[in-house]
Amino acid sequence: MLMLVNQREDGKDFVLLTTEHEMTLETAKPIYTKRWHIENFFKDNSHLGVIHLPSMGLDVVQTVLSLRLLAFHAKDNFRHDLGLGYSRKPSENIYREFVDGVQSRI
């Protein structure tokens, strides 16, 4: 295990534990920052079902992921259109408030 430590501009420490012994702080920081954003995306949008895939078939997985990403972007644009009061609300709360339980046909 390798521990990389760096003090940020705000005085707080950036600490990263990794099993990649060849990494340096300069190479690890951008990689793990992107990874953190991806993990937060999945956590914040778990109500869309992005955590579990319905099948092992590539065509089914691709279709489901495409539809879920479409739903994410529609919801994100909707949140943007709602204004500042909703900009910091978690995605799931917006989903519950405006979408959950609404039945319609497209």
PDB file of N, CA and C in Angstrom:
ATOM      1  N   MET A   1       0.856  -1.164   0.000  1.00  0.00           N
ATOM      2  CA  MET A   1       0.000   0.000   0.000  1.00  0.00           C
ATOM      3  C   MET A   1       0.902   1.227   0.000  1.00  0.00           C
ATOM      4  N   LEU A   2       0.531   2.201  -0.800  1.00  0.00           N
ATOM      5  CA  LEU A   2       1.277   3.441  -0.926  1.00  0.00           C
ATOM      6  C   LEU A   2       0.386   4.588  -0.476  1.00  0.00           C
ATOM      7  N   MET A   3       0.912   5.486   0.367  1.00  0.00           N
ATOM      8  CA  MET A   3       0.162   6.644   0.812  1.00  0.00           C
ATOM      9  C   MET A   3       0.828   7.896   0.248  1.00  0.00           C
ATOM     10  N   LEU A   4       0.050   8.674  -0.490  1.00  0.00           N
ATOM     11  CA  LEU A   4       0.524   9.933  -1.062  1.00  0.00           C
ATOM     12  C   LEU A   4      -0.149  11.072  -0.310  1.00  0.00           C
ATOM     13  N   VAL A   5       0.624  12.044   0.133  1.00  0.00           N
ATOM     14  CA  VAL A   5       0.099  13.157   0.916  1.00  0.00           C
ATOM     15  C   VAL A   5       0.581  14.465   0.309  1.00  0.00           C
ATOM     16  N   ASN A   6      -0.350  15.421   0.225  1.00  0.00           N
ATOM     17  CA  ASN A   6      -0.008  16.748  -0.280  1.00  0.00           C
ATOM     18  C   ASN A   6      -0.920  17.747   0.407  1.00  0.00           C
ATOM     19  N   GLN A   7      -0.387  18.920   0.742  1.00  0.00           N
ATOM     20  CA  GLN A   7      -1.221  19.946   1.345  1.00  0.00           C
ATOM     21  C   GLN A   7      -1.823  20.811   0.239  1.00  0.00           C
ATOM     22  N   ARG A   8      -3.152  20.961   0.286  1.00  0.00           N
ATOM     23  CA  ARG A   8      -3.852  21.768  -0.699  1.00  0.00           C
ATOM     24  C   ARG A   8      -3.705  23.243  -0.374  1.00  0.00           C
ATOM     25  N   GLU A   9      -4.146  24.089  -1.294  1.00  0.00           N
ATOM     26  CA  GLU A   9      -4.047  25.538  -1.117  1.00  0.00           C
ATOM     27  C   GLU A   9      -4.861  26.032   0.075  1.00  0.00           C
ATOM     28  N   ASP A  10      -5.962  25.330   0.410  1.00  0.00           N
ATOM     29  CA  ASP A  10      -6.794  25.752   1.535  1.00  0.00           C
ATOM     30  C   ASP A  10      -6.255  25.268   2.878  1.00  0.00           C
ATOM     31  N   GLY A  11      -5.079  24.625   2.871  1.00  0.00           N
ATOM     32  CA  GLY A  11      -4.450  24.154   4.101  1.00  0.00           C
ATOM     33  C   GLY A  11      -4.819  22.740   4.494  1.00  0.00           C
ATOM     34  N   LYS A  12      -5.811  22.159   3.831  1.00  0.00           N
ATOM     35  CA  LYS A  12      -6.205  20.782   4.126  1.00  0.00           C
ATOM     36  C   LYS A  12      -5.286  19.822   3.387  1.00  0.00           C
ATOM     37  N   ASP A  13      -5.159  18.634   3.940  1.00  0.00           N
ATOM     38  CA  ASP A  13      -4.301  17.626   3.317  1.00  0.00           C
ATOM     39  C   ASP A  13      -5.075  16.803   2.305  1.00  0.00           C
ATOM     40  N   PHE A  14      -4.441  16.510   1.187  1.00  0.00           N
ATOM     41  CA  PHE A  14      -4.947  15.560   0.189  1.00  0.00           C
ATOM     42  C   PHE A  14      -4.198  14.265   0.452  1.00  0.00           C
ATOM     43  N   VAL A  15      -4.907  13.233   0.865  1.00  0.00           N
ATOM     44  CA  VAL A  15      -4.289  11.946   1.181  1.00  0.00           C
ATOM     45  C   VAL A  15      -4.909  10.893   0.281  1.00  0.00           C
ATOM     46  N   LEU A  16      -4.061  10.094  -0.319  1.00  0.00           N
ATOM     47  CA  LEU A  16      -4.518   9.052  -1.224  1.00  0.00           C
ATOM     48  C   LEU A  16      -3.794   7.763  -0.897  1.00  0.00           C
ATOM     49  N   LEU A  17      -4.557   6.704  -0.687  1.00  0.00           N
ATOM     50  CA  LEU A  17      -3.996   5.363  -0.503  1.00  0.00           C
ATOM     51  C   LEU A  17      -4.219   4.583  -1.778  1.00  0.00           C
ATOM     52  N   THR A  18      -3.174   3.941  -2.264  1.00  0.00           N
ATOM     53  CA  THR A  18      -3.286   3.174  -3.501  1.00  0.00           C
ATOM     54  C   THR A  18      -2.390   1.949  -3.437  1.00  0.00           C
ATOM     55  N   THR A  19      -2.738   0.957  -4.222  1.00  0.00           N
ATOM     56  CA  THR A  19      -1.894  -0.236  -4.340  1.00  0.00           C
ATOM     57  C   THR A  19      -0.959  -0.130  -5.532  1.00  0.00           C
ATOM     58  N   GLU A  20      -1.093   0.953  -6.290  1.00  0.00           N
ATOM     59  CA  GLU A  20      -0.236   1.184  -7.452  1.00  0.00           C
ATOM     60  C   GLU A  20       1.074   1.828  -6.987  1.00  0.00           C
ATOM     61  N   HIS A  21       2.094   1.024  -6.791  1.00  0.00           N
ATOM     62  CA  HIS A  21       3.361   1.501  -6.232  1.00  0.00           C
ATOM     63  C   HIS A  21       4.135   2.404  -7.183  1.00  0.00           C
ATOM     64  N   GLU A  22       3.812   2.391  -8.454  1.00  0.00           N
ATOM     65  CA  GLU A  22       4.521   3.209  -9.430  1.00  0.00           C
ATOM     66  C   GLU A  22       3.961   4.628  -9.540  1.00  0.00           C
ATOM     67  N   MET A  23       2.831   4.887  -8.899  1.00  0.00           N
ATOM     68  CA  MET A  23       2.186   6.194  -9.022  1.00  0.00           C
ATOM     69  C   MET A  23       2.924   7.259  -8.228  1.00  0.00           C
ATOM     70  N   THR A  24       2.870   8.456  -8.777  1.00  0.00           N
ATOM     71  CA  THR A  24       3.341   9.638  -8.053  1.00  0.00           C
ATOM     72  C   THR A  24       2.127  10.498  -7.768  1.00  0.00           C
ATOM     73  N   LEU A  25       2.301  11.483  -6.933  1.00  0.00           N
ATOM     74  CA  LEU A  25       1.187  12.372  -6.616  1.00  0.00           C
ATOM     75  C   LEU A  25       0.688  13.086  -7.861  1.00  0.00           C
ATOM     76  N   GLU A  26       1.611  13.468  -8.728  1.00  0.00           N
ATOM     77  CA  GLU A  26       1.241  14.191  -9.952  1.00  0.00           C
ATOM     78  C   GLU A  26       0.408  13.332 -10.899  1.00  0.00           C
ATOM     79  N   THR A  27       0.678  12.030 -10.963  1.00  0.00           N
ATOM     80  CA  THR A  27      -0.111  11.162 -11.844  1.00  0.00           C
ATOM     81  C   THR A  27      -1.383  10.670 -11.163  1.00  0.00           C
ATOM     82  N   ALA A  28      -1.344  10.517  -9.850  1.00  0.00           N
ATOM     83  CA  ALA A  28      -2.489   9.950  -9.135  1.00  0.00           C
ATOM     84  C   ALA A  28      -3.624  10.954  -8.948  1.00  0.00           C
ATOM     85  N   LYS A  29      -3.288  12.193  -8.660  1.00  0.00           N
ATOM     86  CA  LYS A  29      -4.317  13.178  -8.317  1.00  0.00           C
ATOM     87  C   LYS A  29      -5.363  13.365  -9.419  1.00  0.00           C
ATOM     88  N   PRO A  30      -4.973  13.582 -10.691  1.00  0.00           N
ATOM     89  CA  PRO A  30      -6.018  13.749 -11.716  1.00  0.00           C
ATOM     90  C   PRO A  30      -6.832  12.479 -11.963  1.00  0.00           C
ATOM     91  N   ILE A  31      -6.187  11.330 -11.863  1.00  0.00           N
ATOM     92  CA  ILE A  31      -6.893  10.056 -12.087  1.00  0.00           C
ATOM     93  C   ILE A  31      -7.944   9.844 -11.010  1.00  0.00           C
ATOM     94  N   TYR A  32      -7.552   9.993  -9.758  1.00  0.00           N
ATOM     95  CA  TYR A  32      -8.479   9.740  -8.672  1.00  0.00           C
ATOM     96  C   TYR A  32      -9.525  10.845  -8.531  1.00  0.00           C
ATOM     97  N   THR A  33      -9.208  12.055  -8.958  1.00  0.00           N
ATOM     98  CA  THR A  33     -10.215  13.122  -8.968  1.00  0.00           C
ATOM     99  C   THR A  33     -11.325  12.777  -9.957  1.00  0.00           C
ATOM    100  N   LYS A  34     -10.960  12.309 -11.150  1.00  0.00           N
ATOM    101  CA  LYS A  34     -11.967  11.889 -12.135  1.00  0.00           C
ATOM    102  C   LYS A  34     -12.756  10.702 -11.618  1.00  0.00           C
ATOM    103  N   ARG A  35     -12.047   9.757 -10.996  1.00  0.00           N
ATOM    104  CA  ARG A  35     -12.714   8.569 -10.465  1.00  0.00           C
ATOM    105  C   ARG A  35     -13.724   8.973  -9.398  1.00  0.00           C
ATOM    106  N   TRP A  36     -13.371   9.924  -8.559  1.00  0.00           N
ATOM    107  CA  TRP A  36     -14.272  10.390  -7.510  1.00  0.00           C
ATOM    108  C   TRP A  36     -15.544  10.968  -8.115  1.00  0.00           C
ATOM    109  N   HIS A  37     -15.419  11.738  -9.198  1.00  0.00           N
ATOM    110  CA  HIS A  37     -16.594  12.301  -9.863  1.00  0.00           C
ATOM    111  C   HIS A  37     -17.484  11.188 -10.418  1.00  0.00           C
ATOM    112  N   ILE A  38     -16.862  10.156 -10.975  1.00  0.00           N
ATOM    113  CA  ILE A  38     -17.634   9.039 -11.520  1.00  0.00           C
ATOM    114  C   ILE A  38     -18.372   8.310 -10.407  1.00  0.00           C
ATOM    115  N   GLU A  39     -17.703   8.044  -9.291  1.00  0.00           N
ATOM    116  CA  GLU A  39     -18.352   7.356  -8.169  1.00  0.00           C
ATOM    117  C   GLU A  39     -19.495   8.195  -7.614  1.00  0.00           C
ATOM    118  N   ASN A  40     -19.301   9.507  -7.534  1.00  0.00           N
ATOM    119  CA  ASN A  40     -20.384  10.380  -7.071  1.00  0.00           C
ATOM    120  C   ASN A  40     -21.560  10.370  -8.041  1.00  0.00           C
ATOM    121  N   PHE A  41     -21.275  10.310  -9.349  1.00  0.00           N
ATOM    122  CA  PHE A  41     -22.351  10.229 -10.335  1.00  0.00           C
ATOM    123  C   PHE A  41     -23.211   8.996 -10.077  1.00  0.00           C
ATOM    124  N   PHE A  42     -22.569   7.842  -9.895  1.00  0.00           N
ATOM    125  CA  PHE A  42     -23.330   6.614  -9.658  1.00  0.00           C
ATOM    126  C   PHE A  42     -24.090   6.683  -8.338  1.00  0.00           C
ATOM    127  N   LYS A  43     -23.481   7.240  -7.304  1.00  0.00           N
ATOM    128  CA  LYS A  43     -24.151   7.362  -6.011  1.00  0.00           C
ATOM    129  C   LYS A  43     -25.356   8.296  -6.120  1.00  0.00           C
ATOM    130  N   ASP A  44     -25.170   9.452  -6.737  1.00  0.00           N
ATOM    131  CA  ASP A  44     -26.242  10.444  -6.842  1.00  0.00           C
ATOM    132  C   ASP A  44     -27.374  10.017  -7.761  1.00  0.00           C
ATOM    133  N   ASN A  45     -27.113   9.081  -8.657  1.00  0.00           N
ATOM    134  CA  ASN A  45     -28.130   8.672  -9.629  1.00  0.00           C
ATOM    135  C   ASN A  45     -28.529   7.211  -9.492  1.00  0.00           C
ATOM    136  N   SER A  46     -28.328   6.651  -8.300  1.00  0.00           N
ATOM    137  CA  SER A  46     -28.689   5.251  -8.089  1.00  0.00           C
ATOM    138  C   SER A  46     -30.190   5.025  -8.269  1.00  0.00           C
ATOM    139  N   HIS A  47     -31.014   6.064  -8.019  1.00  0.00           N
ATOM    140  CA  HIS A  47     -32.465   5.933  -8.196  1.00  0.00           C
ATOM    141  C   HIS A  47     -32.845   5.723  -9.659  1.00  0.00           C
ATOM    142  N   LEU A  48     -31.932   5.995 -10.590  1.00  0.00           N
ATOM    143  CA  LEU A  48     -32.197   5.723 -12.010  1.00  0.00           C
ATOM    144  C   LEU A  48     -31.879   4.281 -12.387  1.00  0.00           C
ATOM    145  N   GLY A  49     -31.330   3.536 -11.441  1.00  0.00           N
ATOM    146  CA  GLY A  49     -31.017   2.134 -11.698  1.00  0.00           C
ATOM    147  C   GLY A  49     -29.692   1.915 -12.397  1.00  0.00           C
ATOM    148  N   VAL A  50     -28.741   2.854 -12.252  1.00  0.00           N
ATOM    149  CA  VAL A  50     -27.450   2.685 -12.925  1.00  0.00           C
ATOM    150  C   VAL A  50     -26.532   1.719 -12.187  1.00  0.00           C
ATOM    151  N   ILE A  51     -26.916   1.293 -10.993  1.00  0.00           N
ATOM    152  CA  ILE A  51     -26.074   0.391 -10.203  1.00  0.00           C
ATOM    153  C   ILE A  51     -26.189  -1.047 -10.706  1.00  0.00           C
ATOM    154  N   HIS A  52     -27.383  -1.453 -11.079  1.00  0.00           N
ATOM    155  CA  HIS A  52     -27.605  -2.847 -11.483  1.00  0.00           C
ATOM    156  C   HIS A  52     -27.968  -2.916 -12.967  1.00  0.00           C
ATOM    157  N   LEU A  53     -27.330  -3.817 -13.661  1.00  0.00           N
ATOM    158  CA  LEU A  53     -27.637  -4.024 -15.076  1.00  0.00           C
ATOM    159  C   LEU A  53     -28.624  -5.180 -15.205  1.00  0.00           C
ATOM    160  N   PRO A  54     -29.550  -5.096 -16.155  1.00  0.00           N
ATOM    161  CA  PRO A  54     -30.622  -6.080 -16.241  1.00  0.00           C
ATOM    162  C   PRO A  54     -30.235  -7.390 -16.915  1.00  0.00           C
ATOM    163  N   SER A  55     -29.079  -7.442 -17.542  1.00  0.00           N
ATOM    164  CA  SER A  55     -28.735  -8.601 -18.353  1.00  0.00           C
ATOM    165  C   SER A  55     -27.230  -8.624 -18.580  1.00  0.00           C
ATOM    166  N   MET A  56     -26.749  -9.743 -19.073  1.00  0.00           N
ATOM    167  CA  MET A  56     -25.344  -9.847 -19.474  1.00  0.00           C
ATOM    168  C   MET A  56     -25.203  -9.590 -20.973  1.00  0.00           C
ATOM    169  N   GLY A  57     -26.330  -9.508 -21.689  1.00  0.00           N
ATOM    170  CA  GLY A  57     -26.306  -9.267 -23.124  1.00  0.00           C
ATOM    171  C   GLY A  57     -25.879  -7.843 -23.436  1.00  0.00           C
ATOM    172  N   LEU A  58     -24.877  -7.693 -24.277  1.00  0.00           N
ATOM    173  CA  LEU A  58     -24.328  -6.380 -24.584  1.00  0.00           C
ATOM    174  C   LEU A  58     -25.369  -5.441 -25.165  1.00  0.00           C
ATOM    175  N   ASP A  59     -26.243  -5.922 -26.038  1.00  0.00           N
ATOM    176  CA  ASP A  59     -27.246  -5.051 -26.644  1.00  0.00           C
ATOM    177  C   ASP A  59     -28.243  -4.537 -25.606  1.00  0.00           C
ATOM    178  N   VAL A  60     -28.627  -5.384 -24.669  1.00  0.00           N
ATOM    179  CA  VAL A  60     -29.560  -4.976 -23.615  1.00  0.00           C
ATOM    180  C   VAL A  60     -28.894  -3.961 -22.689  1.00  0.00           C
ATOM    181  N   VAL A  61     -27.649  -4.243 -22.300  1.00  0.00           N
ATOM    182  CA  VAL A  61     -26.910  -3.340 -21.417  1.00  0.00           C
ATOM    183  C   VAL A  61     -26.734  -1.978 -22.081  1.00  0.00           C
ATOM    184  N   GLN A  62     -26.369  -1.960 -23.351  1.00  0.00           N
ATOM    185  CA  GLN A  62     -26.165  -0.707 -24.069  1.00  0.00           C
ATOM    186  C   GLN A  62     -27.467   0.093 -24.151  1.00  0.00           C
ATOM    187  N   THR A  63     -28.576  -0.573 -24.432  1.00  0.00           N
ATOM    188  CA  THR A  63     -29.868   0.106 -24.515  1.00  0.00           C
ATOM    189  C   THR A  63     -30.276   0.687 -23.167  1.00  0.00           C
ATOM    190  N   VAL A  64     -30.138  -0.116 -22.118  1.00  0.00           N
ATOM    191  CA  VAL A  64     -30.536   0.337 -20.785  1.00  0.00           C
ATOM    192  C   VAL A  64     -29.665   1.506 -20.324  1.00  0.00           C
ATOM    193  N   LEU A  65     -28.359   1.406 -20.519  1.00  0.00           N
ATOM    194  CA  LEU A  65     -27.471   2.506 -20.126  1.00  0.00           C
ATOM    195  C   LEU A  65     -27.770   3.774 -20.920  1.00  0.00           C
ATOM    196  N   SER A  66     -28.062   3.623 -22.201  1.00  0.00           N
ATOM    197  CA  SER A  66     -28.401   4.792 -23.020  1.00  0.00           C
ATOM    198  C   SER A  66     -29.667   5.472 -22.517  1.00  0.00           C
ATOM    199  N   LEU A  67     -30.673   4.686 -22.186  1.00  0.00           N
ATOM    200  CA  LEU A  67     -31.924   5.252 -21.677  1.00  0.00           C
ATOM    201  C   LEU A  67     -31.731   5.909 -20.316  1.00  0.00           C
ATOM    202  N   ARG A  68     -30.901   5.304 -19.475  1.00  0.00           N
ATOM    203  CA  ARG A  68     -30.647   5.885 -18.154  1.00  0.00           C
ATOM    204  C   ARG A  68     -29.839   7.168 -18.263  1.00  0.00           C
ATOM    205  N   LEU A  69     -28.897   7.218 -19.194  1.00  0.00           N
ATOM    206  CA  LEU A  69     -28.146   8.457 -19.401  1.00  0.00           C
ATOM    207  C   LEU A  69     -29.050   9.553 -19.977  1.00  0.00           C
ATOM    208  N   LEU A  70     -29.973   9.165 -20.846  1.00  0.00           N
ATOM    209  CA  LEU A  70     -30.954  10.120 -21.362  1.00  0.00           C
ATOM    210  C   LEU A  70     -31.804  10.672 -20.219  1.00  0.00           C
ATOM    211  N   ALA A  71     -32.240   9.793 -19.326  1.00  0.00           N
ATOM    212  CA  ALA A  71     -33.025  10.229 -18.169  1.00  0.00           C
ATOM    213  C   ALA A  71     -32.211  11.168 -17.282  1.00  0.00           C
ATOM    214  N   PHE A  72     -30.926  10.849 -17.090  1.00  0.00           N
ATOM    215  CA  PHE A  72     -30.064  11.720 -16.291  1.00  0.00           C
ATOM    216  C   PHE A  72     -29.979  13.113 -16.901  1.00  0.00           C
ATOM    217  N   HIS A  73     -29.738  13.195 -18.202  1.00  0.00           N
ATOM    218  CA  HIS A  73     -29.604  14.498 -18.847  1.00  0.00           C
ATOM    219  C   HIS A  73     -30.918  15.271 -18.852  1.00  0.00           C
ATOM    220  N   ALA A  74     -32.021  14.579 -19.038  1.00  0.00           N
ATOM    221  CA  ALA A  74     -33.324  15.249 -18.981  1.00  0.00           C
ATOM    222  C   ALA A  74     -33.549  15.815 -17.582  1.00  0.00           C
ATOM    223  N   LYS A  75     -33.231  15.033 -16.563  1.00  0.00           N
ATOM    224  CA  LYS A  75     -33.393  15.480 -15.187  1.00  0.00           C
ATOM    225  C   LYS A  75     -32.442  16.621 -14.857  1.00  0.00           C
ATOM    226  N   ASP A  76     -31.212  16.546 -15.333  1.00  0.00           N
ATOM    227  CA  ASP A  76     -30.227  17.591 -15.081  1.00  0.00           C
ATOM    228  C   ASP A  76     -30.638  18.909 -15.744  1.00  0.00           C
ATOM    229  N   ASN A  77     -31.138  18.841 -16.975  1.00  0.00           N
ATOM    230  CA  ASN A  77     -31.630  20.044 -17.653  1.00  0.00           C
ATOM    231  C   ASN A  77     -32.860  20.610 -16.946  1.00  0.00           C
ATOM    232  N   PHE A  78     -33.708  19.725 -16.482  1.00  0.00           N
ATOM    233  CA  PHE A  78     -34.895  20.143 -15.738  1.00  0.00           C
ATOM    234  C   PHE A  78     -34.478  20.874 -14.463  1.00  0.00           C
ATOM    235  N   ARG A  79     -33.494  20.328 -13.748  1.00  0.00           N
ATOM    236  CA  ARG A  79     -32.998  20.963 -12.525  1.00  0.00           C
ATOM    237  C   ARG A  79     -32.436  22.354 -12.843  1.00  0.00           C
ATOM    238  N   HIS A  80     -31.701  22.447 -13.921  1.00  0.00           N
ATOM    239  CA  HIS A  80     -31.136  23.736 -14.340  1.00  0.00           C
ATOM    240  C   HIS A  80     -32.252  24.739 -14.621  1.00  0.00           C
ATOM    241  N   ASP A  81     -33.306  24.306 -15.293  1.00  0.00           N
ATOM    242  CA  ASP A  81     -34.424  25.196 -15.628  1.00  0.00           C
ATOM    243  C   ASP A  81     -35.221  25.625 -14.397  1.00  0.00           C
ATOM    244  N   LEU A  82     -35.159  24.840 -13.321  1.00  0.00           N
ATOM    245  CA  LEU A  82     -35.903  25.186 -12.108  1.00  0.00           C
ATOM    246  C   LEU A  82     -35.289  26.362 -11.353  1.00  0.00           C
ATOM    247  N   GLY A  83     -34.018  26.632 -11.599  1.00  0.00           N
ATOM    248  CA  GLY A  83     -33.371  27.781 -10.975  1.00  0.00           C
ATOM    249  C   GLY A  83     -32.487  27.422  -9.794  1.00  0.00           C
ATOM    250  N   LEU A  84     -31.967  28.460  -9.165  1.00  0.00           N
ATOM    251  CA  LEU A  84     -30.970  28.286  -8.109  1.00  0.00           C
ATOM    252  C   LEU A  84     -31.471  27.503  -6.905  1.00  0.00           C
ATOM    253  N   GLY A  85     -32.737  27.612  -6.597  1.00  0.00           N
ATOM    254  CA  GLY A  85     -33.277  26.886  -5.450  1.00  0.00           C
ATOM    255  C   GLY A  85     -33.127  25.379  -5.556  1.00  0.00           C
ATOM    256  N   TYR A  86     -33.020  24.885  -6.757  1.00  0.00           N
ATOM    257  CA  TYR A  86     -32.902  23.444  -6.974  1.00  0.00           C
ATOM    258  C   TYR A  86     -31.497  23.019  -7.407  1.00  0.00           C
ATOM    259  N   SER A  87     -30.608  23.951  -7.610  1.00  0.00           N
ATOM    260  CA  SER A  87     -29.292  23.604  -8.149  1.00  0.00           C
ATOM    261  C   SER A  87     -28.482  22.726  -7.206  1.00  0.00           C
ATOM    262  N   ARG A  88     -28.705  22.830  -5.923  1.00  0.00           N
ATOM    263  CA  ARG A  88     -27.942  22.036  -4.961  1.00  0.00           C
ATOM    264  C   ARG A  88     -28.741  20.873  -4.388  1.00  0.00           C
ATOM    265  N   LYS A  89     -29.989  20.751  -4.780  1.00  0.00           N
ATOM    266  CA  LYS A  89     -30.798  19.632  -4.295  1.00  0.00           C
ATOM    267  C   LYS A  89     -30.301  18.332  -4.891  1.00  0.00           C
ATOM    268  N   PRO A  90     -30.263  17.276  -4.111  1.00  0.00           N
ATOM    269  CA  PRO A  90     -29.867  15.973  -4.663  1.00  0.00           C
ATOM    270  C   PRO A  90     -30.825  15.535  -5.773  1.00  0.00           C
ATOM    271  N   SER A  91     -30.269  14.839  -6.741  1.00  0.00           N
ATOM    272  CA  SER A  91     -31.063  14.372  -7.885  1.00  0.00           C
ATOM    273  C   SER A  91     -32.266  13.562  -7.453  1.00  0.00           C
ATOM    274  N   GLU A  92     -32.082  12.732  -6.459  1.00  0.00           N
ATOM    275  CA  GLU A  92     -33.172  11.856  -6.037  1.00  0.00           C
ATOM    276  C   GLU A  92     -34.340  12.666  -5.468  1.00  0.00           C
ATOM    277  N   ASN A  93     -34.052  13.761  -4.785  1.00  0.00           N
ATOM    278  CA  ASN A  93     -35.135  14.598  -4.256  1.00  0.00           C
ATOM    279  C   ASN A  93     -35.936  15.250  -5.374  1.00  0.00           C
ATOM    280  N   ILE A  94     -35.254  15.703  -6.407  1.00  0.00           N
ATOM    281  CA  ILE A  94     -35.948  16.298  -7.558  1.00  0.00           C
ATOM    282  C   ILE A  94     -36.790  15.227  -8.241  1.00  0.00           C
ATOM    283  N   TYR A  95     -36.221  14.039  -8.378  1.00  0.00           N
ATOM    284  CA  TYR A  95     -36.949  12.919  -8.979  1.00  0.00           C
ATOM    285  C   TYR A  95     -38.224  12.633  -8.179  1.00  0.00           C
ATOM    286  N   ARG A  96     -38.090  12.533  -6.861  1.00  0.00           N
ATOM    287  CA  ARG A  96     -39.256  12.246  -6.016  1.00  0.00           C
ATOM    288  C   ARG A  96     -40.309  13.344  -6.097  1.00  0.00           C
ATOM    289  N   GLU A  97     -39.858  14.586  -6.121  1.00  0.00           N
ATOM    290  CA  GLU A  97     -40.784  15.717  -6.096  1.00  0.00           C
ATOM    291  C   GLU A  97     -41.567  15.877  -7.401  1.00  0.00           C
ATOM    292  N   PHE A  98     -40.923  15.632  -8.532  1.00  0.00           N
ATOM    293  CA  PHE A  98     -41.556  15.943  -9.803  1.00  0.00           C
ATOM    294  C   PHE A  98     -41.904  14.746 -10.684  1.00  0.00           C
ATOM    295  N   VAL A  99     -41.186  13.622 -10.523  1.00  0.00           N
ATOM    296  CA  VAL A  99     -41.351  12.530 -11.476  1.00  0.00           C
ATOM    297  C   VAL A  99     -41.971  11.292 -10.866  1.00  0.00           C
ATOM    298  N   ASP A 100     -41.534  10.892  -9.696  1.00  0.00           N
ATOM    299  CA  ASP A 100     -41.963   9.641  -9.079  1.00  0.00           C
ATOM    300  C   ASP A 100     -43.488   9.609  -8.927  1.00  0.00           C
ATOM    301  N   GLY A 101     -44.076   8.571  -9.430  1.00  0.00           N
ATOM    302  CA  GLY A 101     -45.513   8.402  -9.320  1.00  0.00           C
ATOM    303  C   GLY A 101     -46.314   8.990 -10.461  1.00  0.00           C
ATOM    304  N   VAL A 102     -45.668   9.720 -11.358  1.00  0.00           N
ATOM    305  CA  VAL A 102     -46.369  10.289 -12.502  1.00  0.00           C
ATOM    306  C   VAL A 102     -46.470   9.213 -13.588  1.00  0.00           C
ATOM    307  N   GLN A 103     -47.655   8.981 -14.071  1.00  0.00           N
ATOM    308  CA  GLN A 103     -47.843   7.999 -15.127  1.00  0.00           C
ATOM    309  C   GLN A 103     -48.185   8.724 -16.415  1.00  0.00           C
ATOM    310  N   SER A 104     -47.477   8.342 -17.468  1.00  0.00           N
ATOM    311  CA  SER A 104     -47.752   8.960 -18.753  1.00  0.00           C
ATOM    312  C   SER A 104     -47.290   8.041 -19.866  1.00  0.00           C
ATOM    313  N   ARG A 105     -47.650   8.392 -21.059  1.00  0.00           N
ATOM    314  CA  ARG A 105     -47.210   7.649 -22.237  1.00  0.00           C
ATOM    315  C   ARG A 105     -46.527   8.617 -23.183  1.00  0.00           C
ATOM    316  N   ILE A 106     -45.470   8.156 -23.776  1.00  0.00           N
ATOM    317  CA  ILE A 106     -44.737   8.991 -24.725  1.00  0.00           C
ATOM    318  C   ILE A 106     -44.945   8.435 -26.110  1.00  0.00           C
TER     319      ILE A 106
END
